[in-house]
Amino acid sequence: MEGSNSRKVVQPKRRGARATYCVTGATGYVGSWLVKILLQRGFRVHATVRDPAKCLHLLSMWTGSDRLRLFRADLHEEGSFDEAVQGCDGVFHVAASMEFSVNDAELNIESYVQSNIIDPMINGTLNLLRACLKSKSVKRVVFTSSISTITAKDSNGEWRPVVDESCQNPVDHVWNTKASGWVYALTKLLTEEAAFRFAIENGIDLVSVITATVAGPFLTSNVPSSIQVLLSPITGDPEFFSILSAVNARMGSIALVHIEDICRAHLFLMEHAKADGRYICCAQSCPLTKLLNHLAQEYPRSNLQGIVKEDLDQAPSEISSKKLRDLGFKYKHGIEDIIHQTVTECLNYGFLHPL
């Protein structure tokens, strides 16, 4: 996968309250928080949603809505984003499919990519980038990627001491192993690859944020999938816990980032003139056994300790956010704070029950 663009576009001077940003997938976990932060900081926001009627509850949570415009847009519809990106300085492409598994095991990878899950995501992303080309005003696109595109194991299956942006999870490995959550991983890999290829061919300034497991407070009407994965040892949900276990098996640990920090990182990379290529955004990580200890401290439950046995024969790989930190980005929230806020939010929501 290409990680940098062949032609850089100088960032415009027009920033601050005068800048206008488009956010795709504004009703999702990251998208809704990103809209909130952008409005709080005085930006104008074009938020795209598939169904404006389904985001009415968010309007009361987004302060500064006089600077907000909602646009109906769907990744399945060509030209759907043309109006939304017009006049925008930058675009945050957050919208994504949250499919984790399917039953199309008989398909080969070529026919599966052309199925109704991955192909719309790739084509939808390319349609968005074409809209950015038409607009003439868009100077940078920030693409929301995922830690599922990264692996801590090398080609020989050995643990890497440090995991950085170059440690891509091979497409054929994702397809052949089909570990829990493989559909999401394959979709992100192929979509990001296609986006960078298109950006390089067309001189678009594209940066991607490789998000760790995102947690903390949420604005959505439903509990976000990433939080359900993180709390699956508590809830006992077998599907989400299998995803958590698969992440631990691939990475040797669970990488976490607070929702506020991941949104701050998106904006930081949008505005930093030297931002280029891919950036891992991970505040901290810990092996699954240690994660269970953190969860047990926040939500004591006797059977948490025996859920999983540690199978690493060495210290877990360091999931490095050095590239992002070297640009000057600083995280506000560590693991304890992330888990505390997540559990508190889910208790208030009613997803977890008081002990």
Protein backbone atom coordinates (compact mmCIF):
# COMPACT_ATOMS: atom_id res chain seq x y z
CA MET A 1 0.00 0.00 0.00
CA GLU A 2 1.25 3.42 -0.87
CA GLY A 3 1.65 5.53 2.24
CA SER A 4 2.49 8.91 0.82
CA ASN A 5 1.44 11.07 -2.08
CA SER A 6 3.60 11.81 -5.08
CA ARG A 7 2.50 15.44 -5.13
CA LYS A 8 1.95 17.50 -2.01
CA VAL A 9 -0.52 20.33 -1.94
CA VAL A 10 0.45 23.36 0.13
CA GLN A 11 -2.00 23.84 2.96
CA PRO A 12 -4.12 26.97 2.66
CA LYS A 13 -3.77 29.87 5.02
CA ARG A 14 -7.51 29.94 5.52
CA ARG A 15 -7.95 28.26 8.88
CA GLY A 16 -9.61 28.92 12.20
CA ALA A 17 -13.27 29.87 12.36
CA ARG A 18 -13.44 30.60 8.62
CA ALA A 19 -12.55 27.06 7.54
CA THR A 20 -15.25 24.65 6.40
CA TYR A 21 -14.87 20.91 6.76
CA CYS A 22 -16.97 18.04 5.47
CA VAL A 23 -17.47 14.99 7.71
CA THR A 24 -18.84 11.81 6.14
CA GLY A 25 -20.64 9.29 8.33
CA ALA A 26 -21.64 11.99 10.81
CA THR A 27 -24.09 9.76 12.68
CA GLY A 28 -21.40 7.21 13.61
CA TYR A 29 -19.31 7.10 16.77
CA VAL A 30 -16.23 8.97 15.50
CA GLY A 31 -18.16 11.07 12.99
CA SER A 32 -20.64 12.47 15.51
CA TRP A 33 -17.87 13.35 17.98
CA LEU A 34 -15.77 14.91 15.23
CA VAL A 35 -18.67 17.14 14.22
CA LYS A 36 -19.08 18.14 17.87
CA ILE A 37 -15.41 19.08 18.29
CA LEU A 38 -15.23 20.97 14.99
CA LEU A 39 -18.28 23.04 15.90
CA GLN A 40 -16.92 23.70 19.39
CA ARG A 41 -13.76 25.08 17.80
CA GLY A 42 -15.64 27.46 15.55
CA PHE A 43 -15.42 25.66 12.21
CA ARG A 44 -18.19 25.42 9.67
CA VAL A 45 -19.23 21.82 9.09
CA HIS A 46 -20.89 19.99 6.22
CA ALA A 47 -22.06 16.71 7.75
CA THR A 48 -23.18 13.88 5.48
CA VAL A 49 -25.77 11.36 6.63
CA ARG A 50 -27.73 8.66 4.85
CA ASP A 51 -30.98 9.65 6.56
CA PRO A 52 -31.18 13.16 8.11
CA ALA A 53 -34.25 12.13 10.13
CA LYS A 54 -32.13 9.64 12.07
CA CYS A 55 -29.74 12.27 13.40
CA LEU A 56 -32.26 14.57 15.05
CA HIS A 57 -31.11 13.47 18.52
CA LEU A 58 -27.59 14.62 17.66
CA LEU A 59 -28.65 18.17 16.84
CA SER A 60 -29.26 18.91 20.53
CA MET A 61 -25.71 17.71 21.33
CA TRP A 62 -23.94 19.68 18.63
CA THR A 63 -23.47 23.24 19.87
CA GLY A 64 -22.92 25.88 17.22
CA SER A 65 -25.41 24.26 14.86
CA ASP A 66 -25.81 27.60 13.07
CA ARG A 67 -22.49 26.69 11.42
CA LEU A 68 -23.69 23.16 10.55
CA ARG A 69 -25.26 21.98 7.31
CA LEU A 70 -26.60 18.46 6.86
CA PHE A 71 -26.38 16.72 3.50
CA ARG A 72 -27.98 13.46 2.52
CA ALA A 73 -25.26 11.27 0.99
CA ASP A 74 -24.82 7.56 0.45
CA LEU A 75 -21.66 5.69 -0.52
CA HIS A 76 -23.79 3.57 -2.84
CA GLU A 77 -24.84 6.58 -4.94
CA GLU A 78 -22.44 8.13 -7.46
CA GLY A 79 -22.26 11.90 -7.21
CA SER A 80 -23.87 11.75 -3.80
CA PHE A 81 -21.11 13.81 -2.15
CA ASP A 82 -20.70 16.49 -4.84
CA GLU A 83 -22.83 19.11 -3.11
CA ALA A 84 -21.55 18.33 0.39
CA VAL A 85 -17.86 18.96 -0.41
CA GLN A 86 -18.45 22.15 -2.40
CA GLY A 87 -16.70 25.07 -0.69
CA CYS A 88 -14.97 22.86 1.88
CA ASP A 89 -11.30 23.30 2.80
CA GLY A 90 -10.94 19.68 3.81
CA VAL A 91 -12.85 16.41 4.06
CA PHE A 92 -12.85 13.85 6.85
CA HIS A 93 -13.88 10.51 5.37
CA VAL A 94 -15.12 8.66 8.43
CA ALA A 95 -18.05 6.71 6.94
CA ALA A 96 -17.44 2.96 6.93
CA SER A 97 -19.20 -0.38 6.87
CA MET A 98 -19.29 -2.09 10.26
CA GLU A 99 -19.84 -5.60 8.87
CA PHE A 100 -17.63 -8.06 10.76
CA SER A 101 -18.48 -11.43 9.19
CA VAL A 102 -20.49 -13.03 6.37
CA ASN A 103 -21.38 -16.54 5.28
CA ASP A 104 -20.03 -16.30 1.72
CA ALA A 105 -17.20 -18.72 2.40
CA GLU A 106 -17.52 -20.32 -1.03
CA LEU A 107 -16.55 -17.15 -2.87
CA ASN A 108 -13.00 -16.53 -4.01
CA ILE A 109 -11.43 -13.22 -3.04
CA GLU A 110 -11.95 -11.62 -6.46
CA SER A 111 -15.69 -12.28 -6.48
CA TYR A 112 -15.98 -11.37 -2.82
CA VAL A 113 -14.41 -7.96 -3.37
CA GLN A 114 -17.13 -7.36 -5.96
CA SER A 115 -19.82 -8.36 -3.45
CA ASN A 116 -22.34 -5.96 -1.91
CA ILE A 117 -20.10 -5.19 1.09
CA ILE A 118 -16.62 -4.25 -0.05
CA ASP A 119 -17.25 -2.96 -3.56
CA PRO A 120 -19.65 -0.19 -2.40
CA MET A 121 -17.12 0.99 0.18
CA ILE A 122 -14.32 1.20 -2.39
CA ASN A 123 -16.47 2.83 -5.06
CA GLY A 124 -18.09 5.14 -2.50
CA THR A 125 -14.67 6.34 -1.34
CA LEU A 126 -13.56 6.90 -4.94
CA ASN A 127 -16.78 8.80 -5.63
CA LEU A 128 -16.02 11.03 -2.65
CA LEU A 129 -12.49 11.67 -3.94
CA ARG A 130 -13.87 12.51 -7.38
CA ALA A 131 -16.20 15.00 -5.71
CA CYS A 132 -13.17 16.55 -4.01
CA LEU A 133 -11.47 16.95 -7.40
CA LYS A 134 -14.56 18.68 -8.80
CA SER A 135 -14.85 21.06 -5.86
CA LYS A 136 -11.47 22.75 -6.46
CA SER A 137 -11.56 24.00 -2.85
CA VAL A 138 -10.62 20.80 -0.97
CA LYS A 139 -6.95 20.90 0.02
CA ARG A 140 -6.70 17.67 2.05
CA VAL A 141 -8.68 14.51 2.74
CA VAL A 142 -8.22 12.66 6.04
CA PHE A 143 -9.25 9.02 5.78
CA THR A 144 -10.25 7.03 8.86
CA SER A 145 -8.42 3.71 8.73
CA SER A 146 -8.15 0.99 11.38
CA ILE A 147 -5.65 -0.98 13.44
CA SER A 148 -7.18 -4.03 11.70
CA THR A 149 -4.96 -3.11 8.73
CA ILE A 150 -1.87 -3.67 10.92
CA THR A 151 -0.26 -6.82 12.32
CA ALA A 152 2.43 -7.33 14.96
CA LYS A 153 3.65 -10.55 13.27
CA ASP A 154 6.18 -10.61 10.45
CA SER A 155 6.03 -12.85 7.38
CA ASN A 156 7.48 -15.72 9.41
CA GLY A 157 4.86 -15.39 12.12
CA GLU A 158 7.33 -13.92 14.61
CA TRP A 159 6.46 -11.01 16.89
CA ARG A 160 7.91 -7.67 15.88
CA PRO A 161 9.41 -5.66 18.75
CA VAL A 162 7.87 -2.45 17.38
CA VAL A 163 4.75 -2.14 15.25
CA ASP A 164 4.53 0.96 13.06
CA GLU A 165 2.64 2.12 9.97
CA SER A 166 4.68 -0.15 7.68
CA CYS A 167 3.44 -3.34 9.35
CA GLN A 168 0.50 -3.92 7.04
CA ASN A 169 -1.70 -6.97 7.47
CA PRO A 170 -1.45 -8.79 4.08
CA VAL A 171 -4.74 -9.07 2.20
CA ASP A 172 -4.19 -12.74 1.40
CA HIS A 173 -3.53 -13.49 5.08
CA VAL A 174 -6.78 -11.79 6.11
CA TRP A 175 -8.65 -13.75 3.45
CA ASN A 176 -7.04 -17.13 4.17
CA THR A 177 -7.31 -17.02 7.96
CA LYS A 178 -10.74 -15.33 8.20
CA ALA A 179 -10.25 -14.53 11.86
CA SER A 180 -13.11 -12.84 13.70
CA GLY A 181 -13.73 -9.39 12.24
CA TRP A 182 -12.04 -10.29 8.94
CA VAL A 183 -14.66 -8.61 6.75
CA TYR A 184 -14.09 -5.25 8.42
CA ALA A 185 -10.31 -5.68 8.14
CA LEU A 186 -10.45 -6.64 4.46
CA THR A 187 -12.79 -3.75 3.67
CA LYS A 188 -10.49 -1.21 5.36
CA LEU A 189 -7.36 -2.63 3.71
CA LEU A 190 -8.74 -2.59 0.18
CA THR A 191 -10.54 0.74 0.54
CA GLU A 192 -7.49 2.52 1.94
CA GLU A 193 -5.28 1.02 -0.76
CA ALA A 194 -7.66 2.18 -3.49
CA ALA A 195 -7.92 5.65 -1.93
CA PHE A 196 -4.16 6.18 -1.84
CA ARG A 197 -3.78 4.89 -5.40
CA PHE A 198 -6.45 7.30 -6.66
CA ALA A 199 -5.00 10.18 -4.61
CA ILE A 200 -1.52 9.68 -6.02
CA GLU A 201 -2.80 9.41 -9.60
CA ASN A 202 -4.86 12.59 -9.24
CA GLY A 203 -2.67 14.77 -7.01
CA ILE A 204 -4.99 14.66 -3.98
CA ASP A 205 -3.39 15.30 -0.59
CA LEU A 206 -4.57 12.25 1.39
CA VAL A 207 -3.66 11.32 4.96
CA SER A 208 -4.99 8.31 6.86
CA VAL A 209 -5.51 7.83 10.59
CA ILE A 210 -5.02 4.23 11.74
CA THR A 211 -7.37 4.14 14.70
CA ALA A 212 -6.88 1.85 17.66
CA THR A 213 -9.97 0.53 19.51
CA VAL A 214 -11.95 3.70 20.21
CA ALA A 215 -13.75 4.09 23.54
CA GLY A 216 -15.05 6.65 26.01
CA PRO A 217 -18.30 8.68 25.93
CA PHE A 218 -20.56 8.43 22.89
CA LEU A 219 -23.25 10.56 21.28
CA THR A 220 -24.90 7.84 19.20
CA SER A 221 -28.27 6.37 20.13
CA ASN A 222 -26.73 2.88 20.20
CA VAL A 223 -23.61 1.60 21.92
CA PRO A 224 -20.77 1.76 19.34
CA SER A 225 -19.35 -1.55 18.13
CA SER A 226 -15.83 -0.73 19.33
CA ILE A 227 -17.15 -0.27 22.89
CA GLN A 228 -19.10 -3.51 22.67
CA VAL A 229 -15.87 -5.25 21.63
CA LEU A 230 -13.92 -3.67 24.49
CA LEU A 231 -16.54 -4.55 27.11
CA SER A 232 -17.29 -8.05 25.77
CA PRO A 233 -15.41 -9.72 28.68
CA ILE A 234 -17.98 -8.07 30.95
CA THR A 235 -21.08 -8.57 28.81
CA GLY A 236 -20.12 -12.07 27.71
CA ASP A 237 -21.09 -11.38 24.09
CA PRO A 238 -19.41 -14.25 22.19
CA GLU A 239 -19.19 -12.51 18.79
CA PHE A 240 -17.58 -9.35 20.12
CA PHE A 241 -15.29 -11.26 22.48
CA SER A 242 -14.06 -13.41 19.58
CA ILE A 243 -13.12 -10.17 17.79
CA LEU A 244 -11.28 -8.91 20.88
CA SER A 245 -9.43 -12.23 21.14
CA ALA A 246 -8.54 -12.16 17.44
CA VAL A 247 -7.10 -8.64 17.83
CA ASN A 248 -5.00 -9.81 20.77
CA ALA A 249 -3.80 -12.84 18.79
CA ARG A 250 -2.78 -10.65 15.81
CA MET A 251 -1.31 -7.72 17.75
CA GLY A 252 -0.22 -9.32 21.04
CA SER A 253 -2.18 -6.63 22.86
CA ILE A 254 -5.23 -4.38 22.66
CA ALA A 255 -4.50 -0.85 21.47
CA LEU A 256 -6.79 1.85 22.84
CA VAL A 257 -7.53 5.49 22.14
CA HIS A 258 -10.07 7.87 23.67
CA ILE A 259 -12.77 9.24 21.38
CA GLU A 260 -11.66 12.81 22.10
CA ASP A 261 -8.04 12.02 21.21
CA ILE A 262 -8.91 10.27 17.95
CA CYS A 263 -10.97 13.28 16.86
CA ARG A 264 -8.21 15.68 17.92
CA ALA A 265 -5.76 13.59 15.88
CA HIS A 266 -7.99 13.84 12.79
CA LEU A 267 -8.05 17.63 13.05
CA PHE A 268 -4.33 17.80 13.91
CA LEU A 269 -3.46 15.86 10.75
CA MET A 270 -5.86 17.91 8.66
CA GLU A 271 -4.11 21.12 9.66
CA HIS A 272 -0.45 20.07 9.94
CA ALA A 273 1.42 21.09 6.79
CA LYS A 274 3.90 18.20 7.10
CA ALA A 275 1.35 15.44 7.60
CA ASP A 276 1.88 12.72 5.00
CA GLY A 277 0.79 9.10 4.55
CA ARG A 278 -0.48 6.90 7.38
CA TYR A 279 -0.46 7.53 11.14
CA ILE A 280 -1.16 5.07 13.94
CA CYS A 281 -3.26 6.72 16.64
CA CYS A 282 -2.87 4.66 19.80
CA ALA A 283 -2.61 6.18 23.27
CA GLN A 284 -1.57 2.92 24.97
CA SER A 285 -1.91 -0.82 24.58
CA CYS A 286 -1.87 -3.82 26.88
CA PRO A 287 -2.23 -7.61 26.55
CA LEU A 288 -5.73 -9.01 26.99
CA THR A 289 -4.97 -10.39 30.43
CA LYS A 290 -3.95 -6.95 31.68
CA LEU A 291 -6.98 -5.40 30.00
CA LEU A 292 -9.16 -7.76 32.00
CA ASN A 293 -7.48 -6.53 35.18
CA HIS A 294 -8.32 -2.94 34.24
CA LEU A 295 -11.93 -3.90 33.48
CA ALA A 296 -12.22 -5.81 36.76
CA GLN A 297 -11.05 -2.79 38.72
CA GLU A 298 -13.76 -0.62 37.14
CA TYR A 299 -16.46 -3.29 37.09
CA PRO A 300 -15.62 -6.06 39.60
CA ARG A 301 -16.75 -9.45 38.43
CA SER A 302 -15.19 -12.71 39.62
CA ASN A 303 -15.08 -14.59 36.32
CA LEU A 304 -13.15 -11.94 34.39
CA GLN A 305 -9.75 -13.21 35.50
CA GLY A 306 -10.11 -16.70 34.05
CA ILE A 307 -11.46 -15.82 30.61
CA VAL A 308 -8.16 -16.04 28.74
CA LYS A 309 -4.67 -17.39 29.24
CA GLU A 310 -1.65 -15.40 28.14
CA ASP A 311 0.09 -17.16 25.25
CA LEU A 312 2.93 -14.74 24.55
CA ASP A 313 6.42 -16.03 25.25
CA GLN A 314 7.87 -12.53 25.33
CA ALA A 315 6.95 -8.96 26.08
CA PRO A 316 4.20 -7.74 23.72
CA SER A 317 5.12 -5.65 20.71
CA GLU A 318 5.13 -1.89 21.12
CA ILE A 319 2.31 -0.45 19.01
CA SER A 320 4.06 2.76 18.10
CA SER A 321 2.41 6.13 17.64
CA LYS A 322 5.86 7.72 17.25
CA LYS A 323 5.19 9.13 13.78
CA LEU A 324 2.17 11.06 15.09
CA ARG A 325 3.90 12.12 18.31
CA ASP A 326 6.93 13.33 16.36
CA LEU A 327 4.67 15.82 14.56
CA GLY A 328 3.79 17.24 17.97
CA PHE A 329 0.55 15.45 18.84
CA LYS A 330 -0.06 14.74 22.53
CA TYR A 331 -2.64 12.38 24.00
CA LYS A 332 -4.89 13.50 26.85
CA HIS A 333 -6.21 10.10 27.98
CA GLY A 334 -4.47 6.91 29.11
CA ILE A 335 -5.86 3.38 29.54
CA GLU A 336 -7.27 3.84 33.04
CA ASP A 337 -9.11 7.00 32.04
CA ILE A 338 -10.43 5.45 28.83
CA ILE A 339 -11.83 2.40 30.61
CA HIS A 340 -13.22 4.43 33.52
CA GLN A 341 -15.10 6.81 31.21
CA THR A 342 -16.33 3.94 29.03
CA VAL A 343 -17.72 1.92 31.93
CA THR A 344 -19.28 5.03 33.49
CA GLU A 345 -20.94 5.98 30.20
CA CYS A 346 -22.31 2.47 29.70
CA LEU A 347 -23.65 2.35 33.25
CA ASN A 348 -25.45 5.66 32.70
CA TYR A 349 -26.75 4.44 29.35
CA GLY A 350 -28.02 1.17 30.82
CA PHE A 351 -25.78 -1.07 28.72
CA LEU A 352 -24.09 -2.22 31.94
CA HIS A 353 -26.02 -2.77 35.15
CA PRO A 354 -24.93 -1.43 38.53
CA LEU A 355 -23.25 -4.08 40.69
